[in-house]
Amino acid sequence: SPSPDYHFIDVQSHRNLSSMAKNICASSILAIEDTLTLFDEKA
């Protein structure tokens, strides 16, 4: 599965609303994937 196209930029630096929406969604996807990567069943 390909990783989402994500590049963190400042809240004032989005070119348009579409790029802003894509970036926010991609960062949320990465947060979920990274959290799953760290999953510790014993803990």
Full PDB file with SEQRES, HELIX, SHEET, SSBOND, CRYST1, ORIGX, SCALE, CONECT and MASTER records, all heavy atoms in Angstrom:
SEQRES   1 A   43  SER PRO SER PRO ASP TYR HIS PHE ILE ASP VAL GLN SER          
SEQRES   2 A   43  HIS ARG ASN LEU SER SER MET ALA LYS ASN ILE CYS ALA          
SEQRES   3 A   43  SER SER ILE LEU ALA ILE GLU ASP THR LEU THR LEU PHE          
SEQRES   4 A   43  ASP GLU LYS ALA                                              
HELIX    1 AA1 LEU A   17  THR A   37  1                                  21    
CRYST1    1.000    1.000    1.000  90.00  90.00  90.00 P 1           1          
ORIGX1      1.000000  0.000000  0.000000        0.00000                         
ORIGX2      0.000000  1.000000  0.000000        0.00000                         
ORIGX3      0.000000  0.000000  1.000000        0.00000                         
SCALE1      1.000000  0.000000  0.000000        0.00000                         
SCALE2      0.000000  1.000000  0.000000        0.00000                         
SCALE3      0.000000  0.000000  1.000000        0.00000                         
ATOM      1  N   SER A   1       0.840  -1.199   0.000  1.00  0.00           N  
ATOM      2  CA  SER A   1       0.000   0.000   0.000  1.00  0.00           C  
ATOM      3  C   SER A   1       0.874   1.247   0.000  1.00  0.00           C  
ATOM      4  O   SER A   1       1.787   1.377   0.803  1.00  0.00           O  
ATOM      5  CB  SER A   1      -0.901   0.017   1.237  1.00  0.00           C  
ATOM      6  OG  SER A   1      -0.123  -0.048   2.412  1.00  0.00           O  
ATOM      7  N   PRO A   2       0.622   2.175  -0.938  1.00  0.00           N  
ATOM      8  CA  PRO A   2       1.450   3.378  -1.016  1.00  0.00           C  
ATOM      9  C   PRO A   2       1.179   4.325   0.141  1.00  0.00           C  
ATOM     10  O   PRO A   2       0.068   4.393   0.666  1.00  0.00           O  
ATOM     11  CB  PRO A   2       0.993   4.016  -2.348  1.00  0.00           C  
ATOM     12  CG  PRO A   2      -0.415   3.547  -2.518  1.00  0.00           C  
ATOM     13  CD  PRO A   2      -0.443   2.156  -1.950  1.00  0.00           C  
ATOM     14  N   SER A   3       2.219   5.025   0.570  1.00  0.00           N  
ATOM     15  CA  SER A   3       2.052   6.010   1.631  1.00  0.00           C  
ATOM     16  C   SER A   3       1.395   7.254   1.054  1.00  0.00           C  
ATOM     17  O   SER A   3       1.598   7.593  -0.117  1.00  0.00           O  
ATOM     18  CB  SER A   3       3.415   6.397   2.222  1.00  0.00           C  
ATOM     19  OG  SER A   3       4.023   5.271   2.803  1.00  0.00           O  
ATOM     20  N   PRO A   4       0.604   7.951   1.852  1.00  0.00           N  
ATOM     21  CA  PRO A   4      -0.040   9.155   1.341  1.00  0.00           C  
ATOM     22  C   PRO A   4       0.989  10.232   1.025  1.00  0.00           C  
ATOM     23  O   PRO A   4       2.051  10.296   1.649  1.00  0.00           O  
ATOM     24  CB  PRO A   4      -0.942   9.592   2.511  1.00  0.00           C  
ATOM     25  CG  PRO A   4      -0.343   8.958   3.718  1.00  0.00           C  
ATOM     26  CD  PRO A   4       0.268   7.678   3.251  1.00  0.00           C  
ATOM     27  N   ASP A   5       0.669  11.074   0.049  1.00  0.00           N  
ATOM     28  CA  ASP A   5       1.563  12.160  -0.336  1.00  0.00           C  
ATOM     29  C   ASP A   5       1.403  13.282   0.680  1.00  0.00           C  
ATOM     30  O   ASP A   5       0.460  14.061   0.628  1.00  0.00           O  
ATOM     31  CB  ASP A   5       1.196  12.651  -1.742  1.00  0.00           C  
ATOM     32  CG  ASP A   5       2.154  13.713  -2.233  1.00  0.00           C  
ATOM     33  OD1 ASP A   5       3.234  13.854  -1.625  1.00  0.00           O  
ATOM     34  OD2 ASP A   5       1.818  14.401  -3.210  1.00  0.00           O  
ATOM     35  N   TYR A   6       2.337  13.362   1.610  1.00  0.00           N  
ATOM     36  CA  TYR A   6       2.208  14.294   2.717  1.00  0.00           C  
ATOM     37  C   TYR A   6       3.463  15.138   2.846  1.00  0.00           C  
ATOM     38  O   TYR A   6       4.571  14.624   2.870  1.00  0.00           O  
ATOM     39  CB  TYR A   6       1.958  13.527   4.028  1.00  0.00           C  
ATOM     40  CG  TYR A   6       2.092  14.405   5.252  1.00  0.00           C  
ATOM     41  CD1 TYR A   6       1.067  15.247   5.627  1.00  0.00           C  
ATOM     42  CD2 TYR A   6       3.278  14.411   5.998  1.00  0.00           C  
ATOM     43  CE1 TYR A   6       1.182  16.067   6.738  1.00  0.00           C  
ATOM     44  CE2 TYR A   6       3.406  15.225   7.104  1.00  0.00           C  
ATOM     45  CZ  TYR A   6       2.357  16.042   7.462  1.00  0.00           C  
ATOM     46  OH  TYR A   6       2.496  16.854   8.551  1.00  0.00           O  
ATOM     47  N   HIS A   7       3.278  16.431   2.941  1.00  0.00           N  
ATOM     48  CA  HIS A   7       4.385  17.350   3.215  1.00  0.00           C  
ATOM     49  C   HIS A   7       3.869  18.383   4.193  1.00  0.00           C  
ATOM     50  O   HIS A   7       2.971  19.160   3.880  1.00  0.00           O  
ATOM     51  CB  HIS A   7       4.867  18.046   1.934  1.00  0.00           C  
ATOM     52  CG  HIS A   7       5.281  17.093   0.866  1.00  0.00           C  
ATOM     53  ND1 HIS A   7       6.468  16.401   0.893  1.00  0.00           N  
ATOM     54  CD2 HIS A   7       4.634  16.692  -0.251  1.00  0.00           C  
ATOM     55  CE1 HIS A   7       6.567  15.631  -0.178  1.00  0.00           C  
ATOM     56  NE2 HIS A   7       5.458  15.779  -0.879  1.00  0.00           N  
ATOM     57  N   PHE A   8       4.433  18.395   5.415  1.00  0.00           N  
ATOM     58  CA  PHE A   8       3.912  19.336   6.395  1.00  0.00           C  
ATOM     59  C   PHE A   8       4.315  20.755   6.031  1.00  0.00           C  
ATOM     60  O   PHE A   8       5.473  21.050   5.793  1.00  0.00           O  
ATOM     61  CB  PHE A   8       4.405  19.025   7.817  1.00  0.00           C  
ATOM     62  CG  PHE A   8       3.685  19.872   8.817  1.00  0.00           C  
ATOM     63  CD1 PHE A   8       2.489  19.439   9.338  1.00  0.00           C  
ATOM     64  CD2 PHE A   8       4.168  21.121   9.168  1.00  0.00           C  
ATOM     65  CE1 PHE A   8       1.781  20.238  10.225  1.00  0.00           C  
ATOM     66  CE2 PHE A   8       3.455  21.923  10.051  1.00  0.00           C  
ATOM     67  CZ  PHE A   8       2.265  21.479  10.581  1.00  0.00           C  
ATOM     68  N   ILE A   9       3.310  21.630   6.001  1.00  0.00           N  
ATOM     69  CA  ILE A   9       3.559  23.044   5.747  1.00  0.00           C  
ATOM     70  C   ILE A   9       2.759  23.859   6.752  1.00  0.00           C  
ATOM     71  O   ILE A   9       1.806  23.378   7.358  1.00  0.00           O  
ATOM     72  CB  ILE A   9       3.178  23.456   4.310  1.00  0.00           C  
ATOM     73  CG1 ILE A   9       1.711  23.079   4.008  1.00  0.00           C  
ATOM     74  CG2 ILE A   9       4.097  22.800   3.309  1.00  0.00           C  
ATOM     75  CD1 ILE A   9       1.270  23.485   2.622  1.00  0.00           C  
ATOM     76  N   ASP A  10       3.150  25.105   6.905  1.00  0.00           N  
ATOM     77  CA  ASP A  10       2.505  25.984   7.865  1.00  0.00           C  
ATOM     78  C   ASP A  10       1.049  26.222   7.468  1.00  0.00           C  
ATOM     79  O   ASP A  10       0.686  26.167   6.292  1.00  0.00           O  
ATOM     80  CB  ASP A  10       3.276  27.309   7.905  1.00  0.00           C  
ATOM     81  CG  ASP A  10       2.700  28.260   8.927  1.00  0.00           C  
ATOM     82  OD1 ASP A  10       2.495  27.825  10.062  1.00  0.00           O  
ATOM     83  OD2 ASP A  10       2.448  29.418   8.565  1.00  0.00           O  
ATOM     84  N   VAL A  11       0.208  26.511   8.458  1.00  0.00           N  
ATOM     85  CA  VAL A  11      -1.219  26.689   8.205  1.00  0.00           C  
ATOM     86  C   VAL A  11      -1.494  27.838   7.236  1.00  0.00           C  
ATOM     87  O   VAL A  11      -2.549  27.875   6.602  1.00  0.00           O  
ATOM     88  CB  VAL A  11      -1.979  26.931   9.530  1.00  0.00           C  
ATOM     89  CG1 VAL A  11      -1.994  25.682  10.368  1.00  0.00           C  
ATOM     90  CG2 VAL A  11      -1.379  28.093  10.318  1.00  0.00           C  
ATOM     91  N   GLN A  12      -0.563  28.770   7.100  1.00  0.00           N  
ATOM     92  CA  GLN A  12      -0.778  29.914   6.210  1.00  0.00           C  
ATOM     93  C   GLN A  12      -0.224  29.675   4.809  1.00  0.00           C  
ATOM     94  O   GLN A  12      -0.370  30.530   3.940  1.00  0.00           O  
ATOM     95  CB  GLN A  12      -0.117  31.162   6.802  1.00  0.00           C  
ATOM     96  CG  GLN A  12      -0.740  31.623   8.121  1.00  0.00           C  
ATOM     97  CD  GLN A  12      -0.008  32.825   8.679  1.00  0.00           C  
ATOM     98  OE1 GLN A  12       1.216  32.856   8.716  1.00  0.00           O  
ATOM     99  NE2 GLN A  12      -0.746  33.827   9.118  1.00  0.00           N  
ATOM    100  N   SER A  13       0.389  28.514   4.569  1.00  0.00           N  
ATOM    101  CA  SER A  13       1.133  28.319   3.330  1.00  0.00           C  
ATOM    102  C   SER A  13       0.419  27.489   2.276  1.00  0.00           C  
ATOM    103  O   SER A  13       0.979  27.212   1.224  1.00  0.00           O  
ATOM    104  CB  SER A  13       2.484  27.648   3.645  1.00  0.00           C  
ATOM    105  OG  SER A  13       3.214  28.442   4.556  1.00  0.00           O  
ATOM    106  N   HIS A  14      -0.814  27.091   2.502  1.00  0.00           N  
ATOM    107  CA  HIS A  14      -1.533  26.295   1.514  1.00  0.00           C  
ATOM    108  C   HIS A  14      -1.872  27.147   0.297  1.00  0.00           C  
ATOM    109  O   HIS A  14      -2.318  28.286   0.408  1.00  0.00           O  
ATOM    110  CB  HIS A  14      -2.815  25.729   2.128  1.00  0.00           C  
ATOM    111  CG  HIS A  14      -2.561  24.722   3.206  1.00  0.00           C  
ATOM    112  ND1 HIS A  14      -2.125  23.447   2.943  1.00  0.00           N  
ATOM    113  CD2 HIS A  14      -2.679  24.809   4.556  1.00  0.00           C  
ATOM    114  CE1 HIS A  14      -1.992  22.788   4.084  1.00  0.00           C  
ATOM    115  NE2 HIS A  14      -2.315  23.599   5.069  1.00  0.00           N  
ATOM    116  N   ARG A  15      -1.686  26.547  -0.882  1.00  0.00           N  
ATOM    117  CA  ARG A  15      -1.956  27.276  -2.126  1.00  0.00           C  
ATOM    118  C   ARG A  15      -3.446  27.470  -2.349  1.00  0.00           C  
ATOM    119  O   ARG A  15      -3.879  28.490  -2.868  1.00  0.00           O  
ATOM    120  CB  ARG A  15      -1.348  26.529  -3.309  1.00  0.00           C  
ATOM    121  CG  ARG A  15       0.164  26.405  -3.274  1.00  0.00           C  
ATOM    122  CD  ARG A  15       0.676  25.810  -4.574  1.00  0.00           C  
ATOM    123  NE  ARG A  15       0.054  24.535  -4.852  1.00  0.00           N  
ATOM    124  CZ  ARG A  15       0.484  23.369  -4.345  1.00  0.00           C  
ATOM    125  NH1 ARG A  15       1.518  23.365  -3.514  1.00  0.00           N  
ATOM    126  NH2 ARG A  15      -0.125  22.242  -4.657  1.00  0.00           N  
ATOM    127  N   ASN A  16      -4.242  26.473  -1.988  1.00  0.00           N  
ATOM    128  CA  ASN A  16      -5.681  26.545  -2.190  1.00  0.00           C  
ATOM    129  C   ASN A  16      -6.369  25.604  -1.202  1.00  0.00           C  
ATOM    130  O   ASN A  16      -5.709  24.848  -0.489  1.00  0.00           O  
ATOM    131  CB  ASN A  16      -6.054  26.191  -3.628  1.00  0.00           C  
ATOM    132  CG  ASN A  16      -5.425  24.877  -4.071  1.00  0.00           C  
ATOM    133  OD1 ASN A  16      -5.659  23.841  -3.434  1.00  0.00           O  
ATOM    134  ND2 ASN A  16      -4.642  24.911  -5.142  1.00  0.00           N  
ATOM    135  N   LEU A  17      -7.683  25.656  -1.178  1.00  0.00           N  
ATOM    136  CA  LEU A  17      -8.441  24.840  -0.225  1.00  0.00           C  
ATOM    137  C   LEU A  17      -8.315  23.352  -0.511  1.00  0.00           C  
ATOM    138  O   LEU A  17      -8.330  22.530   0.411  1.00  0.00           O  
ATOM    139  CB  LEU A  17      -9.913  25.260  -0.244  1.00  0.00           C  
ATOM    140  CG  LEU A  17     -10.209  26.665   0.287  1.00  0.00           C  
ATOM    141  CD1 LEU A  17     -11.701  26.965   0.187  1.00  0.00           C  
ATOM    142  CD2 LEU A  17      -9.746  26.812   1.729  1.00  0.00           C  
ATOM    143  N   SER A  18      -8.175  22.992  -1.783  1.00  0.00           N  
ATOM    144  CA  SER A  18      -8.038  21.581  -2.139  1.00  0.00           C  
ATOM    145  C   SER A  18      -6.744  20.990  -1.589  1.00  0.00           C  
ATOM    146  O   SER A  18      -6.742  19.905  -1.005  1.00  0.00           O  
ATOM    147  CB  SER A  18      -8.080  21.417  -3.663  1.00  0.00           C  
ATOM    148  OG  SER A  18      -7.921  20.060  -4.029  1.00  0.00           O  
ATOM    149  N   SER A  19      -5.629  21.715  -1.743  1.00  0.00           N  
ATOM    150  CA  SER A  19      -4.352  21.219  -1.223  1.00  0.00           C  
ATOM    151  C   SER A  19      -4.374  21.169   0.300  1.00  0.00           C  
ATOM    152  O   SER A  19      -3.798  20.270   0.910  1.00  0.00           O  
ATOM    153  CB  SER A  19      -3.194  22.102  -1.708  1.00  0.00           C  
ATOM    154  OG  SER A  19      -3.237  23.381  -1.097  1.00  0.00           O  
ATOM    155  N   MET A  20      -5.068  22.136   0.910  1.00  0.00           N  
ATOM    156  CA  MET A  20      -5.196  22.139   2.363  1.00  0.00           C  
ATOM    157  C   MET A  20      -5.935  20.888   2.838  1.00  0.00           C  
ATOM    158  O   MET A  20      -5.496  20.201   3.765  1.00  0.00           O  
ATOM    159  CB  MET A  20      -5.954  23.380   2.808  1.00  0.00           C  
ATOM    160  CG  MET A  20      -6.222  23.449   4.313  1.00  0.00           C  
ATOM    161  SD  MET A  20      -7.575  24.582   4.721  1.00  0.00           S  
ATOM    162  CE  MET A  20      -8.974  23.682   4.018  1.00  0.00           C  
ATOM    163  N   ALA A  21      -7.061  20.580   2.197  1.00  0.00           N  
ATOM    164  CA  ALA A  21      -7.861  19.416   2.590  1.00  0.00           C  
ATOM    165  C   ALA A  21      -7.072  18.121   2.411  1.00  0.00           C  
ATOM    166  O   ALA A  21      -7.079  17.246   3.283  1.00  0.00           O  
ATOM    167  CB  ALA A  21      -9.151  19.365   1.774  1.00  0.00           C  
ATOM    168  N   LYS A  22      -6.370  17.994   1.279  1.00  0.00           N  
ATOM    169  CA  LYS A  22      -5.586  16.788   1.016  1.00  0.00           C  
ATOM    170  C   LYS A  22      -4.474  16.619   2.050  1.00  0.00           C  
ATOM    171  O   LYS A  22      -4.198  15.519   2.517  1.00  0.00           O  
ATOM    172  CB  LYS A  22      -4.992  16.844  -0.388  1.00  0.00           C  
ATOM    173  CG  LYS A  22      -6.015  16.667  -1.497  1.00  0.00           C  
ATOM    174  CD  LYS A  22      -5.362  16.773  -2.865  1.00  0.00           C  
ATOM    175  CE  LYS A  22      -6.391  16.593  -3.979  1.00  0.00           C  
ATOM    176  NZ  LYS A  22      -5.776  16.751  -5.328  1.00  0.00           N  
ATOM    177  N   ASN A  23      -3.828  17.734   2.408  1.00  0.00           N  
ATOM    178  CA  ASN A  23      -2.723  17.663   3.350  1.00  0.00           C  
ATOM    179  C   ASN A  23      -3.190  17.275   4.750  1.00  0.00           C  
ATOM    180  O   ASN A  23      -2.551  16.464   5.429  1.00  0.00           O  
ATOM    181  CB  ASN A  23      -1.990  19.001   3.392  1.00  0.00           C  
ATOM    182  CG  ASN A  23      -0.596  18.893   3.953  1.00  0.00           C  
ATOM    183  OD1 ASN A  23      -0.366  19.230   5.099  1.00  0.00           O  
ATOM    184  ND2 ASN A  23       0.333  18.435   3.143  1.00  0.00           N  
ATOM    185  N   ILE A  24      -4.321  17.834   5.171  1.00  0.00           N  
ATOM    186  CA  ILE A  24      -4.857  17.503   6.495  1.00  0.00           C  
ATOM    187  C   ILE A  24      -5.267  16.036   6.554  1.00  0.00           C  
ATOM    188  O   ILE A  24      -4.980  15.324   7.524  1.00  0.00           O  
ATOM    189  CB  ILE A  24      -6.038  18.419   6.841  1.00  0.00           C  
ATOM    190  CG1 ILE A  24      -5.539  19.848   7.094  1.00  0.00           C  
ATOM    191  CG2 ILE A  24      -6.798  17.902   8.073  1.00  0.00           C  
ATOM    192  CD1 ILE A  24      -6.621  20.871   7.268  1.00  0.00           C  
ATOM    193  N   CYS A  25      -5.942  15.563   5.482  1.00  0.00           N  
ATOM    194  CA  CYS A  25      -6.350  14.154   5.444  1.00  0.00           C  
ATOM    195  C   CYS A  25      -5.131  13.235   5.434  1.00  0.00           C  
ATOM    196  O   CYS A  25      -5.106  12.209   6.120  1.00  0.00           O  
ATOM    197  CB  CYS A  25      -7.226  13.890   4.221  1.00  0.00           C  
ATOM    198  SG  CYS A  25      -8.869  14.623   4.343  1.00  0.00           S  
ATOM    199  N   ALA A  26      -4.107  13.602   4.665  1.00  0.00           N  
ATOM    200  CA  ALA A  26      -2.899  12.771   4.592  1.00  0.00           C  
ATOM    201  C   ALA A  26      -2.191  12.708   5.936  1.00  0.00           C  
ATOM    202  O   ALA A  26      -1.691  11.649   6.338  1.00  0.00           O  
ATOM    203  CB  ALA A  26      -1.952  13.320   3.521  1.00  0.00           C  
ATOM    204  N   SER A  27      -2.142  13.826   6.662  1.00  0.00           N  
ATOM    205  CA  SER A  27      -1.476  13.829   7.964  1.00  0.00           C  
ATOM    206  C   SER A  27      -2.238  12.970   8.959  1.00  0.00           C  
ATOM    207  O   SER A  27      -1.646  12.287   9.806  1.00  0.00           O  
ATOM    208  CB  SER A  27      -1.321  15.256   8.495  1.00  0.00           C  
ATOM    209  OG  SER A  27      -2.577  15.816   8.823  1.00  0.00           O  
ATOM    210  N   SER A  28      -3.570  12.964   8.861  1.00  0.00           N  
ATOM    211  CA  SER A  28      -4.376  12.114   9.739  1.00  0.00           C  
ATOM    212  C   SER A  28      -4.146  10.644   9.428  1.00  0.00           C  
ATOM    213  O   SER A  28      -4.047   9.810  10.336  1.00  0.00           O  
ATOM    214  CB  SER A  28      -5.863  12.458   9.593  1.00  0.00           C  
ATOM    215  OG  SER A  28      -6.133  13.769  10.048  1.00  0.00           O  
ATOM    216  N   ILE A  29      -4.050  10.314   8.147  1.00  0.00           N  
ATOM    217  CA  ILE A  29      -3.786   8.927   7.731  1.00  0.00           C  
ATOM    218  C   ILE A  29      -2.428   8.471   8.260  1.00  0.00           C  
ATOM    219  O   ILE A  29      -2.278   7.365   8.793  1.00  0.00           O  
ATOM    220  CB  ILE A  29      -3.852   8.800   6.197  1.00  0.00           C  
ATOM    221  CG1 ILE A  29      -5.292   8.977   5.725  1.00  0.00           C  
ATOM    222  CG2 ILE A  29      -3.306   7.438   5.743  1.00  0.00           C  
ATOM    223  CD1 ILE A  29      -5.427   9.126   4.224  1.00  0.00           C  
ATOM    224  N   LEU A  30      -1.427   9.337   8.141  1.00  0.00           N  
ATOM    225  CA  LEU A  30      -0.093   8.992   8.643  1.00  0.00           C  
ATOM    226  C   LEU A  30      -0.100   8.800  10.159  1.00  0.00           C  
ATOM    227  O   LEU A  30       0.580   7.902  10.677  1.00  0.00           O  
ATOM    228  CB  LEU A  30       0.913  10.085   8.267  1.00  0.00           C  
ATOM    229  CG  LEU A  30       1.524   9.997   6.873  1.00  0.00           C  
ATOM    230  CD1 LEU A  30       2.466  11.172   6.648  1.00  0.00           C  
ATOM    231  CD2 LEU A  30       2.264   8.689   6.669  1.00  0.00           C  
ATOM    232  N   ALA A  31      -0.859   9.630  10.860  1.00  0.00           N  
ATOM    233  CA  ALA A  31      -0.947   9.498  12.319  1.00  0.00           C  
ATOM    234  C   ALA A  31      -1.524   8.136  12.685  1.00  0.00           C  
ATOM    235  O   ALA A  31      -1.045   7.471  13.612  1.00  0.00           O  
ATOM    236  CB  ALA A  31      -1.805  10.621  12.894  1.00  0.00           C  
ATOM    237  N   ILE A  32      -2.546   7.709  11.969  1.00  0.00           N  
ATOM    238  CA  ILE A  32      -3.169   6.407  12.232  1.00  0.00           C  
ATOM    239  C   ILE A  32      -2.202   5.278  11.905  1.00  0.00           C  
ATOM    240  O   ILE A  32      -2.036   4.328  12.682  1.00  0.00           O  
ATOM    241  CB  ILE A  32      -4.467   6.269  11.424  1.00  0.00           C  
ATOM    242  CG1 ILE A  32      -5.512   7.272  11.930  1.00  0.00           C  
ATOM    243  CG2 ILE A  32      -5.023   4.846  11.528  1.00  0.00           C  
ATOM    244  CD1 ILE A  32      -6.734   7.383  11.049  1.00  0.00           C  
ATOM    245  N   GLU A  33      -1.534   5.369  10.744  1.00  0.00           N  
ATOM    246  CA  GLU A  33      -0.603   4.307  10.333  1.00  0.00           C  
ATOM    247  C   GLU A  33       0.585   4.209  11.285  1.00  0.00           C  
ATOM    248  O   GLU A  33       1.015   3.105  11.648  1.00  0.00           O  
ATOM    249  CB  GLU A  33      -0.124   4.564   8.905  1.00  0.00           C  
ATOM    250  CG  GLU A  33      -1.215   4.366   7.853  1.00  0.00           C  
ATOM    251  CD  GLU A  33      -0.709   4.614   6.450  1.00  0.00           C  
ATOM    252  OE1 GLU A  33       0.347   5.274   6.301  1.00  0.00           O  
ATOM    253  OE2 GLU A  33      -1.373   4.161   5.498  1.00  0.00           O  
ATOM    254  N   ASP A  34       1.120   5.354  11.699  1.00  0.00           N  
ATOM    255  CA  ASP A  34       2.259   5.343  12.627  1.00  0.00           C  
ATOM    256  C   ASP A  34       1.847   4.781  13.988  1.00  0.00           C  
ATOM    257  O   ASP A  34       2.612   4.057  14.633  1.00  0.00           O  
ATOM    258  CB  ASP A  34       2.816   6.762  12.807  1.00  0.00           C  
ATOM    259  CG  ASP A  34       3.623   7.226  11.607  1.00  0.00           C  
ATOM    260  OD1 ASP A  34       3.831   6.415  10.688  1.00  0.00           O  
ATOM    261  OD2 ASP A  34       4.042   8.388  11.597  1.00  0.00           O  
ATOM    262  N   THR A  35       0.644   5.130  14.432  1.00  0.00           N  
ATOM    263  CA  THR A  35       0.156   4.616  15.709  1.00  0.00           C  
ATOM    264  C   THR A  35      -0.003   3.104  15.651  1.00  0.00           C  
ATOM    265  O   THR A  35       0.326   2.389  16.616  1.00  0.00           O  
ATOM    266  CB  THR A  35      -1.174   5.304  16.084  1.00  0.00           C  
ATOM    267  OG1 THR A  35      -0.939   6.715  16.249  1.00  0.00           O  
ATOM    268  CG2 THR A  35      -1.751   4.737  17.371  1.00  0.00           C  
ATOM    269  N   LEU A  36      -0.477   2.593  14.522  1.00  0.00           N  
ATOM    270  CA  LEU A  36      -0.585   1.143  14.356  1.00  0.00           C  
ATOM    271  C   LEU A  36       0.796   0.496  14.334  1.00  0.00           C  
ATOM    272  O   LEU A  36       1.001  -0.586  14.895  1.00  0.00           O  
ATOM    273  CB  LEU A  36      -1.341   0.808  13.076  1.00  0.00           C  
ATOM    274  CG  LEU A  36      -1.564  -0.681  12.775  1.00  0.00           C  
ATOM    275  CD1 LEU A  36      -2.317  -1.354  13.913  1.00  0.00           C  
ATOM    276  CD2 LEU A  36      -2.301  -0.857  11.458  1.00  0.00           C  
ATOM    277  N   THR A  37       1.761   1.154  13.721  1.00  0.00           N  
ATOM    278  CA  THR A  37       3.131   0.637  13.694  1.00  0.00           C  
ATOM    279  C   THR A  37       3.677   0.474  15.107  1.00  0.00           C  
ATOM    280  O   THR A  37       4.414  -0.477  15.402  1.00  0.00           O  
ATOM    281  CB  THR A  37       4.044   1.595  12.899  1.00  0.00           C  
ATOM    282  OG1 THR A  37       3.600   1.650  11.538  1.00  0.00           O  
ATOM    283  CG2 THR A  37       5.498   1.126  12.926  1.00  0.00           C  
ATOM    284  N   LEU A  38       3.306   1.391  15.999  1.00  0.00           N  
ATOM    285  CA  LEU A  38       3.813   1.377  17.371  1.00  0.00           C  
ATOM    286  C   LEU A  38       3.015   0.450  18.296  1.00  0.00           C  
ATOM    287  O   LEU A  38       3.365   0.311  19.465  1.00  0.00           O  
ATOM    288  CB  LEU A  38       3.767   2.794  17.948  1.00  0.00           C  
ATOM    289  CG  LEU A  38       4.694   3.829  17.295  1.00  0.00           C  
ATOM    290  CD1 LEU A  38       4.301   5.232  17.749  1.00  0.00           C  
ATOM    291  CD2 LEU A  38       6.142   3.539  17.622  1.00  0.00           C  
ATOM    292  N   PHE A  39       1.970  -0.165  17.782  1.00  0.00           N  
ATOM    293  CA  PHE A  39       1.056  -0.948  18.616  1.00  0.00           C  
ATOM    294  C   PHE A  39       1.792  -2.025  19.417  1.00  0.00           C  
ATOM    295  O   PHE A  39       2.558  -2.808  18.875  1.00  0.00           O  
ATOM    296  CB  PHE A  39      -0.019  -1.592  17.752  1.00  0.00           C  
ATOM    297  CG  PHE A  39      -0.968  -2.467  18.526  1.00  0.00           C  
ATOM    298  CD1 PHE A  39      -1.862  -1.907  19.408  1.00  0.00           C  
ATOM    299  CD2 PHE A  39      -0.939  -3.844  18.386  1.00  0.00           C  
ATOM    300  CE1 PHE A  39      -2.733  -2.707  20.147  1.00  0.00           C  
ATOM    301  CE2 PHE A  39      -1.801  -4.652  19.102  1.00  0.00           C  
ATOM    302  CZ  PHE A  39      -2.710  -4.081  19.979  1.00  0.00           C  
ATOM    303  N   ASP A  40       1.539  -2.027  20.720  1.00  0.00           N  
ATOM    304  CA  ASP A  40       2.160  -2.975  21.643  1.00  0.00           C  
ATOM    305  C   ASP A  40       1.047  -3.797  22.288  1.00  0.00           C  
ATOM    306  O   ASP A  40       0.343  -3.322  23.184  1.00  0.00           O  
ATOM    307  CB  ASP A  40       2.960  -2.209  22.704  1.00  0.00           C  
ATOM    308  CG  ASP A  40       3.734  -3.132  23.650  1.00  0.00           C  
ATOM    309  OD1 ASP A  40       3.321  -4.289  23.827  1.00  0.00           O  
ATOM    310  OD2 ASP A  40       4.739  -2.672  24.212  1.00  0.00           O  
ATOM    311  N   GLU A  41       0.878  -5.035  21.831  1.00  0.00           N  
ATOM    312  CA  GLU A  41      -0.220  -5.876  22.306  1.00  0.00           C  
ATOM    313  C   GLU A  41      -0.124  -6.149  23.811  1.00  0.00           C  
ATOM    314  O   GLU A  41      -1.131  -6.125  24.516  1.00  0.00           O  
ATOM    315  CB  GLU A  41      -0.239  -7.200  21.539  1.00  0.00           C  
ATOM    316  CG  GLU A  41      -1.430  -8.083  21.876  1.00  0.00           C  
ATOM    317  CD  GLU A  41      -1.527  -9.283  20.961  1.00  0.00           C  
ATOM    318  OE1 GLU A  41      -0.867  -9.289  19.903  1.00  0.00           O  
ATOM    319  OE2 GLU A  41      -2.283 -10.220  21.308  1.00  0.00           O  
ATOM    320  N   LYS A  42       1.082  -6.380  24.287  1.00  0.00           N  
ATOM    321  CA  LYS A  42       1.263  -6.661  25.714  1.00  0.00           C  
ATOM    322  C   LYS A  42       0.850  -5.460  26.563  1.00  0.00           C  
ATOM    323  O   LYS A  42       0.177  -5.622  27.599  1.00  0.00           O  
ATOM    324  CB  LYS A  42       2.716  -7.034  26.002  1.00  0.00           C  
ATOM    325  CG  LYS A  42       2.967  -7.415  27.449  1.00  0.00           C  
ATOM    326  CD  LYS A  42       4.416  -7.840  27.666  1.00  0.00           C  
ATOM    327  CE  LYS A  42       4.658  -8.195  29.130  1.00  0.00           C  
ATOM    328  NZ  LYS A  42       6.083  -8.595  29.373  1.00  0.00           N  
ATOM    329  N   ALA A  43       1.261  -4.255  26.148  1.00  0.00           N  
ATOM    330  CA  ALA A  43       0.900  -3.050  26.904  1.00  0.00           C  
ATOM    331  C   ALA A  43      -0.609  -2.852  26.908  1.00  0.00           C  
ATOM    332  O   ALA A  43      -1.198  -2.466  27.930  1.00  0.00           O  
ATOM    333  CB  ALA A  43       1.595  -1.827  26.311  1.00  0.00           C  
TER     334      ALA A  43                                                      
MASTER        0    0    0    1    0    0    0    6  333    1    0    4          
END                                                                             
